[in-house]
């Protein structure tokens, strides 16, 4: 979204088209191995994380670092929207309130149905309402700041940031994993004639 902004000469770079082509070229180039014994072969996907013996997912500094980096990127994009579009006090307040709301939604335990209802209905309704308000008041950053702020808050509130569970996801993301039982193949019985 940032690369297609047009703000009265503040961003005079027609970057949307080149960004899209560059992304496609990078995706194709990144999908193959270019050196070593497997040159020319497609990259294989890594195995998904599996739960521990107790059925829960563990944490660690690596997961915490990845999560923190994603939250900072989202918060940074929301801040950049404010700077480029409408650096007003209401827009800043929307970003801060959205971060706090997203954090509280996953930091404090709520029943899963209520949390899913707030995510599926609350975020889109707030975004649409702020889009109308932003269009009426010439503050087009309001809906985007709310979305980016809420996502950053969800990432921050969805993990443990101190203690022995550092980096581990909070409920419901650390729930019991479903394990599939492998069925033993029975040898086919040969029919005797």
C-alpha atoms as a PDB file:
ATOM      1  CA  UNK A   1       0.000   0.000   0.000  1.00  0.00           C
ATOM      2  CA  UNK A   2       2.849   2.387   0.761  1.00  0.00           C
ATOM      3  CA  UNK A   3       4.372   2.071  -2.705  1.00  0.00           C
ATOM      4  CA  UNK A   4       1.243   3.249  -4.510  1.00  0.00           C
ATOM      5  CA  UNK A   5       0.677   6.397  -2.440  1.00  0.00           C
ATOM      6  CA  UNK A   6       0.364   9.722  -4.205  1.00  0.00           C
ATOM      7  CA  UNK A   7       0.706  12.580  -1.733  1.00  0.00           C
ATOM      8  CA  UNK A   8       1.073  15.966  -3.443  1.00  0.00           C
ATOM      9  CA  UNK A   9       4.642  15.475  -4.573  1.00  0.00           C
ATOM     10  CA  UNK A  10       5.770  13.771  -1.373  1.00  0.00           C
ATOM     11  CA  UNK A  11       6.197  10.439  -3.121  1.00  0.00           C
ATOM     12  CA  UNK A  12       6.755  10.987  -6.855  1.00  0.00           C
ATOM     13  CA  UNK A  13       7.974   7.464  -7.595  1.00  0.00           C
ATOM     14  CA  UNK A  14       5.648   5.280  -9.696  1.00  0.00           C
ATOM     15  CA  UNK A  15       6.677   2.220  -7.734  1.00  0.00           C
ATOM     16  CA  UNK A  16       3.607  -0.035  -7.860  1.00  0.00           C
ATOM     17  CA  UNK A  17       4.313  -1.613 -11.284  1.00  0.00           C
ATOM     18  CA  UNK A  18       8.074  -2.199 -10.789  1.00  0.00           C
ATOM     19  CA  UNK A  19       7.410  -3.563  -7.284  1.00  0.00           C
ATOM     20  CA  UNK A  20       4.955  -6.120  -8.656  1.00  0.00           C
ATOM     21  CA  UNK A  21       7.309  -7.259 -11.423  1.00  0.00           C
ATOM     22  CA  UNK A  22      10.235  -7.420  -8.986  1.00  0.00           C
ATOM     23  CA  UNK A  23       8.184  -9.453  -6.554  1.00  0.00           C
ATOM     24  CA  UNK A  24       7.267 -11.951  -9.288  1.00  0.00           C
ATOM     25  CA  UNK A  25      10.898 -12.269 -10.453  1.00  0.00           C
ATOM     26  CA  UNK A  26      12.086 -12.708  -6.858  1.00  0.00           C
ATOM     27  CA  UNK A  27       9.451 -15.353  -6.194  1.00  0.00           C
ATOM     28  CA  UNK A  28      10.502 -17.353  -9.223  1.00  0.00           C
ATOM     29  CA  UNK A  29      14.199 -16.969  -8.400  1.00  0.00           C
ATOM     30  CA  UNK A  30      13.660 -17.909  -4.771  1.00  0.00           C
ATOM     31  CA  UNK A  31      11.772 -21.069  -5.631  1.00  0.00           C
ATOM     32  CA  UNK A  32      14.827 -22.871  -7.009  1.00  0.00           C
ATOM     33  CA  UNK A  33      18.262 -23.839  -5.723  1.00  0.00           C
ATOM     34  CA  UNK A  34      20.964 -22.095  -7.729  1.00  0.00           C
ATOM     35  CA  UNK A  35      24.182 -23.684  -6.446  1.00  0.00           C
ATOM     36  CA  UNK A  36      25.514 -26.865  -4.936  1.00  0.00           C
ATOM     37  CA  UNK A  37      24.643 -30.451  -5.722  1.00  0.00           C
ATOM     38  CA  UNK A  38      20.916 -29.737  -6.101  1.00  0.00           C
ATOM     39  CA  UNK A  39      21.218 -26.850  -8.575  1.00  0.00           C
ATOM     40  CA  UNK A  40      18.075 -26.351 -10.648  1.00  0.00           C
ATOM     41  CA  UNK A  41      15.886 -28.306  -8.236  1.00  0.00           C
ATOM     42  CA  UNK A  42      12.820 -26.742  -6.609  1.00  0.00           C
ATOM     43  CA  UNK A  43      13.151 -25.777  -2.984  1.00  0.00           C
ATOM     44  CA  UNK A  44      11.288 -28.093  -0.663  1.00  0.00           C
ATOM     45  CA  UNK A  45       9.071 -26.771   2.081  1.00  0.00           C
ATOM     46  CA  UNK A  46      10.251 -27.203   5.636  1.00  0.00           C
ATOM     47  CA  UNK A  47       8.248 -29.432   7.917  1.00  0.00           C
ATOM     48  CA  UNK A  48       5.578 -27.654   9.937  1.00  0.00           C
ATOM     49  CA  UNK A  49       6.135 -27.235  13.662  1.00  0.00           C
ATOM     50  CA  UNK A  50       4.977 -30.177  15.699  1.00  0.00           C
ATOM     51  CA  UNK A  51       3.723 -30.032  19.248  1.00  0.00           C
ATOM     52  CA  UNK A  52       5.771 -31.259  22.191  1.00  0.00           C
ATOM     53  CA  UNK A  53       5.041 -34.504  24.002  1.00  0.00           C
ATOM     54  CA  UNK A  54       2.286 -32.839  26.040  1.00  0.00           C
ATOM     55  CA  UNK A  55       0.569 -31.619  22.867  1.00  0.00           C
ATOM     56  CA  UNK A  56       1.512 -27.942  23.290  1.00  0.00           C
ATOM     57  CA  UNK A  57       3.844 -25.814  21.208  1.00  0.00           C
ATOM     58  CA  UNK A  58       7.051 -24.608  22.824  1.00  0.00           C
ATOM     59  CA  UNK A  59       8.623 -21.190  22.462  1.00  0.00           C
ATOM     60  CA  UNK A  60      12.178 -19.900  22.362  1.00  0.00           C
ATOM     61  CA  UNK A  61      14.132 -16.772  21.565  1.00  0.00           C
ATOM     62  CA  UNK A  62      13.976 -17.426  17.826  1.00  0.00           C
ATOM     63  CA  UNK A  63      10.177 -17.489  17.687  1.00  0.00           C
ATOM     64  CA  UNK A  64       9.993 -14.452  19.953  1.00  0.00           C
ATOM     65  CA  UNK A  65      12.415 -12.571  17.679  1.00  0.00           C
ATOM     66  CA  UNK A  66      10.430 -13.430  14.542  1.00  0.00           C
ATOM     67  CA  UNK A  67       7.176 -12.411  16.194  1.00  0.00           C
ATOM     68  CA  UNK A  68       8.641  -9.144  17.503  1.00  0.00           C
ATOM     69  CA  UNK A  69      10.064  -8.291  14.064  1.00  0.00           C
ATOM     70  CA  UNK A  70       6.670  -8.876  12.420  1.00  0.00           C
ATOM     71  CA  UNK A  71       4.941  -6.725  15.029  1.00  0.00           C
ATOM     72  CA  UNK A  72       7.490  -3.927  14.518  1.00  0.00           C
ATOM     73  CA  UNK A  73       7.034  -4.066  10.735  1.00  0.00           C
ATOM     74  CA  UNK A  74       3.243  -3.811  11.071  1.00  0.00           C
ATOM     75  CA  UNK A  75       3.501  -0.984  13.586  1.00  0.00           C
ATOM     76  CA  UNK A  76       6.042   0.753  11.342  1.00  0.00           C
ATOM     77  CA  UNK A  77       3.763   0.512   8.298  1.00  0.00           C
ATOM     78  CA  UNK A  78       0.879   1.932  10.316  1.00  0.00           C
ATOM     79  CA  UNK A  79       3.122   4.791  11.486  1.00  0.00           C
ATOM     80  CA  UNK A  80       4.322   5.433   7.929  1.00  0.00           C
ATOM     81  CA  UNK A  81       0.698   5.622   6.777  1.00  0.00           C
ATOM     82  CA  UNK A  82       0.136   8.352   9.348  1.00  0.00           C
ATOM     83  CA  UNK A  83       3.236  10.283   8.325  1.00  0.00           C
ATOM     84  CA  UNK A  84       2.480  10.124   4.600  1.00  0.00           C
ATOM     85  CA  UNK A  85      -1.289  10.539   4.656  1.00  0.00           C
ATOM     86  CA  UNK A  86      -2.647  12.400   7.649  1.00  0.00           C
ATOM     87  CA  UNK A  87      -0.454  13.075  10.672  1.00  0.00           C
ATOM     88  CA  UNK A  88      -3.263  14.265  12.922  1.00  0.00           C
ATOM     89  CA  UNK A  89      -4.007  13.570  16.568  1.00  0.00           C
ATOM     90  CA  UNK A  90      -7.127  11.431  15.827  1.00  0.00           C
ATOM     91  CA  UNK A  91      -5.170   9.199  13.442  1.00  0.00           C
ATOM     92  CA  UNK A  92      -2.405   8.699  16.007  1.00  0.00           C
ATOM     93  CA  UNK A  93      -5.023   7.930  18.661  1.00  0.00           C
ATOM     94  CA  UNK A  94      -6.631   5.321  16.358  1.00  0.00           C
ATOM     95  CA  UNK A  95      -3.261   3.602  15.887  1.00  0.00           C
ATOM     96  CA  UNK A  96      -2.520   3.527  19.620  1.00  0.00           C
ATOM     97  CA  UNK A  97      -6.018   2.339  20.566  1.00  0.00           C
ATOM     98  CA  UNK A  98      -5.897  -0.384  17.880  1.00  0.00           C
ATOM     99  CA  UNK A  99      -2.556  -1.673  19.198  1.00  0.00           C
ATOM    100  CA  UNK A 100      -3.886  -1.775  22.768  1.00  0.00           C
ATOM    101  CA  UNK A 101      -7.143  -3.447  21.679  1.00  0.00           C
ATOM    102  CA  UNK A 102      -5.353  -6.138  19.666  1.00  0.00           C
ATOM    103  CA  UNK A 103      -2.931  -6.759  22.529  1.00  0.00           C
ATOM    104  CA  UNK A 104      -5.718  -7.031  25.123  1.00  0.00           C
ATOM    105  CA  UNK A 105      -7.753  -9.361  22.905  1.00  0.00           C
ATOM    106  CA  UNK A 106      -5.033 -12.021  22.997  1.00  0.00           C
ATOM    107  CA  UNK A 107      -3.367 -11.177  26.295  1.00  0.00           C
ATOM    108  CA  UNK A 108      -6.385 -11.795  28.500  1.00  0.00           C
ATOM    109  CA  UNK A 109      -8.261 -15.067  28.158  1.00  0.00           C
ATOM    110  CA  UNK A 110     -11.680 -14.828  26.551  1.00  0.00           C
ATOM    111  CA  UNK A 111     -13.900 -17.686  25.439  1.00  0.00           C
ATOM    112  CA  UNK A 112     -12.900 -18.765  21.961  1.00  0.00           C
ATOM    113  CA  UNK A 113     -16.312 -17.957  20.426  1.00  0.00           C
ATOM    114  CA  UNK A 114     -16.203 -14.374  21.716  1.00  0.00           C
ATOM    115  CA  UNK A 115     -12.622 -13.886  20.533  1.00  0.00           C
ATOM    116  CA  UNK A 116     -13.384 -15.269  17.076  1.00  0.00           C
ATOM    117  CA  UNK A 117     -16.499 -13.089  16.876  1.00  0.00           C
ATOM    118  CA  UNK A 118     -14.493  -9.995  17.725  1.00  0.00           C
ATOM    119  CA  UNK A 119     -11.872 -10.905  15.138  1.00  0.00           C
ATOM    120  CA  UNK A 120     -14.271 -11.837  12.344  1.00  0.00           C
ATOM    121  CA  UNK A 121     -16.832  -9.094  12.928  1.00  0.00           C
ATOM    122  CA  UNK A 122     -15.169  -6.425  15.039  1.00  0.00           C
ATOM    123  CA  UNK A 123     -12.097  -5.702  12.923  1.00  0.00           C
ATOM    124  CA  UNK A 124     -13.933  -5.416   9.562  1.00  0.00           C
ATOM    125  CA  UNK A 125     -16.747  -3.307  11.055  1.00  0.00           C
ATOM    126  CA  UNK A 126     -14.257  -0.916  12.671  1.00  0.00           C
ATOM    127  CA  UNK A 127     -12.271  -0.710   9.426  1.00  0.00           C
ATOM    128  CA  UNK A 128     -15.358   0.145   7.336  1.00  0.00           C
ATOM    129  CA  UNK A 129     -16.573   2.692   9.898  1.00  0.00           C
ATOM    130  CA  UNK A 130     -13.161   4.377   9.988  1.00  0.00           C
ATOM    131  CA  UNK A 131     -13.036   4.377   6.184  1.00  0.00           C
ATOM    132  CA  UNK A 132     -16.281   6.390   6.112  1.00  0.00           C
ATOM    133  CA  UNK A 133     -15.053   8.722   8.855  1.00  0.00           C
ATOM    134  CA  UNK A 134     -11.679   9.130   7.156  1.00  0.00           C
ATOM    135  CA  UNK A 135     -13.314   9.893   3.812  1.00  0.00           C
ATOM    136  CA  UNK A 136     -15.566  12.513   5.390  1.00  0.00           C
ATOM    137  CA  UNK A 137     -12.717  14.195   7.278  1.00  0.00           C
ATOM    138  CA  UNK A 138      -9.906  13.796   4.689  1.00  0.00           C
ATOM    139  CA  UNK A 139      -7.958  11.465   6.998  1.00  0.00           C
ATOM    140  CA  UNK A 140      -7.473   8.452   4.773  1.00  0.00           C
ATOM    141  CA  UNK A 141      -4.962   6.820   7.138  1.00  0.00           C
ATOM    142  CA  UNK A 142      -7.581   6.033   9.793  1.00  0.00           C
ATOM    143  CA  UNK A 143      -8.713   2.584   8.539  1.00  0.00           C
ATOM    144  CA  UNK A 144      -5.206   1.464   7.630  1.00  0.00           C
ATOM    145  CA  UNK A 145      -3.771   2.602  10.946  1.00  0.00           C
ATOM    146  CA  UNK A 146      -6.463   0.660  12.791  1.00  0.00           C
ATOM    147  CA  UNK A 147      -5.833  -2.526  10.804  1.00  0.00           C
ATOM    148  CA  UNK A 148      -2.048  -2.426  11.116  1.00  0.00           C
ATOM    149  CA  UNK A 149      -2.250  -1.458  14.783  1.00  0.00           C
ATOM    150  CA  UNK A 150      -4.658  -4.276  15.629  1.00  0.00           C
ATOM    151  CA  UNK A 151      -2.501  -6.851  13.843  1.00  0.00           C
ATOM    152  CA  UNK A 152       0.635  -5.634  15.630  1.00  0.00           C
ATOM    153  CA  UNK A 153      -1.194  -5.762  18.971  1.00  0.00           C
ATOM    154  CA  UNK A 154      -2.426  -9.301  18.288  1.00  0.00           C
ATOM    155  CA  UNK A 155       1.131 -10.443  17.579  1.00  0.00           C
ATOM    156  CA  UNK A 156       2.418  -8.816  20.771  1.00  0.00           C
ATOM    157  CA  UNK A 157      -0.396 -10.145  22.947  1.00  0.00           C
ATOM    158  CA  UNK A 158      -0.339 -13.642  21.501  1.00  0.00           C
ATOM    159  CA  UNK A 159       3.021 -14.700  23.008  1.00  0.00           C
ATOM    160  CA  UNK A 160       4.767 -14.866  26.344  1.00  0.00           C
ATOM    161  CA  UNK A 161       7.528 -12.247  26.567  1.00  0.00           C
ATOM    162  CA  UNK A 162       9.135 -13.238  29.860  1.00  0.00           C
ATOM    163  CA  UNK A 163       9.502 -16.178  32.188  1.00  0.00           C
ATOM    164  CA  UNK A 164      10.084 -19.845  31.442  1.00  0.00           C
ATOM    165  CA  UNK A 165       7.594 -19.833  28.545  1.00  0.00           C
ATOM    166  CA  UNK A 166       9.450 -17.058  26.684  1.00  0.00           C
ATOM    167  CA  UNK A 167       8.423 -17.065  23.020  1.00  0.00           C
ATOM    168  CA  UNK A 168       5.673 -19.636  23.444  1.00  0.00           C
ATOM    169  CA  UNK A 169       2.211 -18.811  22.079  1.00  0.00           C
ATOM    170  CA  UNK A 170      -0.606 -17.974  24.463  1.00  0.00           C
ATOM    171  CA  UNK A 171      -3.938 -19.784  24.404  1.00  0.00           C
ATOM    172  CA  UNK A 172      -5.634 -20.700  22.105  1.00  0.00           C
ATOM    173  CA  UNK A 173      -2.541 -20.972  19.889  1.00  0.00           C
ATOM    174  CA  UNK A 174      -0.797 -23.340  22.291  1.00  0.00           C
ATOM    175  CA  UNK A 175      -3.696 -25.755  22.465  1.00  0.00           C
ATOM    176  CA  UNK A 176      -3.513 -29.488  22.216  1.00  0.00           C
ATOM    177  CA  UNK A 177      -2.375 -30.521  18.787  1.00  0.00           C
ATOM    178  CA  UNK A 178      -4.308 -33.180  16.959  1.00  0.00           C
ATOM    179  CA  UNK A 179      -2.123 -36.107  16.219  1.00  0.00           C
ATOM    180  CA  UNK A 180      -3.035 -38.490  13.512  1.00  0.00           C
ATOM    181  CA  UNK A 181      -2.461 -42.107  14.247  1.00  0.00           C
ATOM    182  CA  UNK A 182      -0.661 -44.029  11.623  1.00  0.00           C
ATOM    183  CA  UNK A 183      -2.506 -47.114  10.628  1.00  0.00           C
ATOM    184  CA  UNK A 184      -0.494 -50.213  10.253  1.00  0.00           C
ATOM    185  CA  UNK A 185      -0.869 -51.715   6.862  1.00  0.00           C
ATOM    186  CA  UNK A 186      -2.146 -55.215   6.990  1.00  0.00           C
ATOM    187  CA  UNK A 187      -0.716 -57.557   4.446  1.00  0.00           C
ATOM    188  CA  UNK A 188      -3.243 -58.668   1.916  1.00  0.00           C
ATOM    189  CA  UNK A 189      -4.310 -62.197   2.523  1.00  0.00           C
ATOM    190  CA  UNK A 190      -3.756 -64.354  -0.455  1.00  0.00           C
ATOM    191  CA  UNK A 191      -6.700 -66.427  -1.399  1.00  0.00           C
ATOM    192  CA  UNK A 192      -5.946 -70.065  -1.499  1.00  0.00           C
ATOM    193  CA  UNK A 193      -7.376 -72.020  -4.343  1.00  0.00           C
END
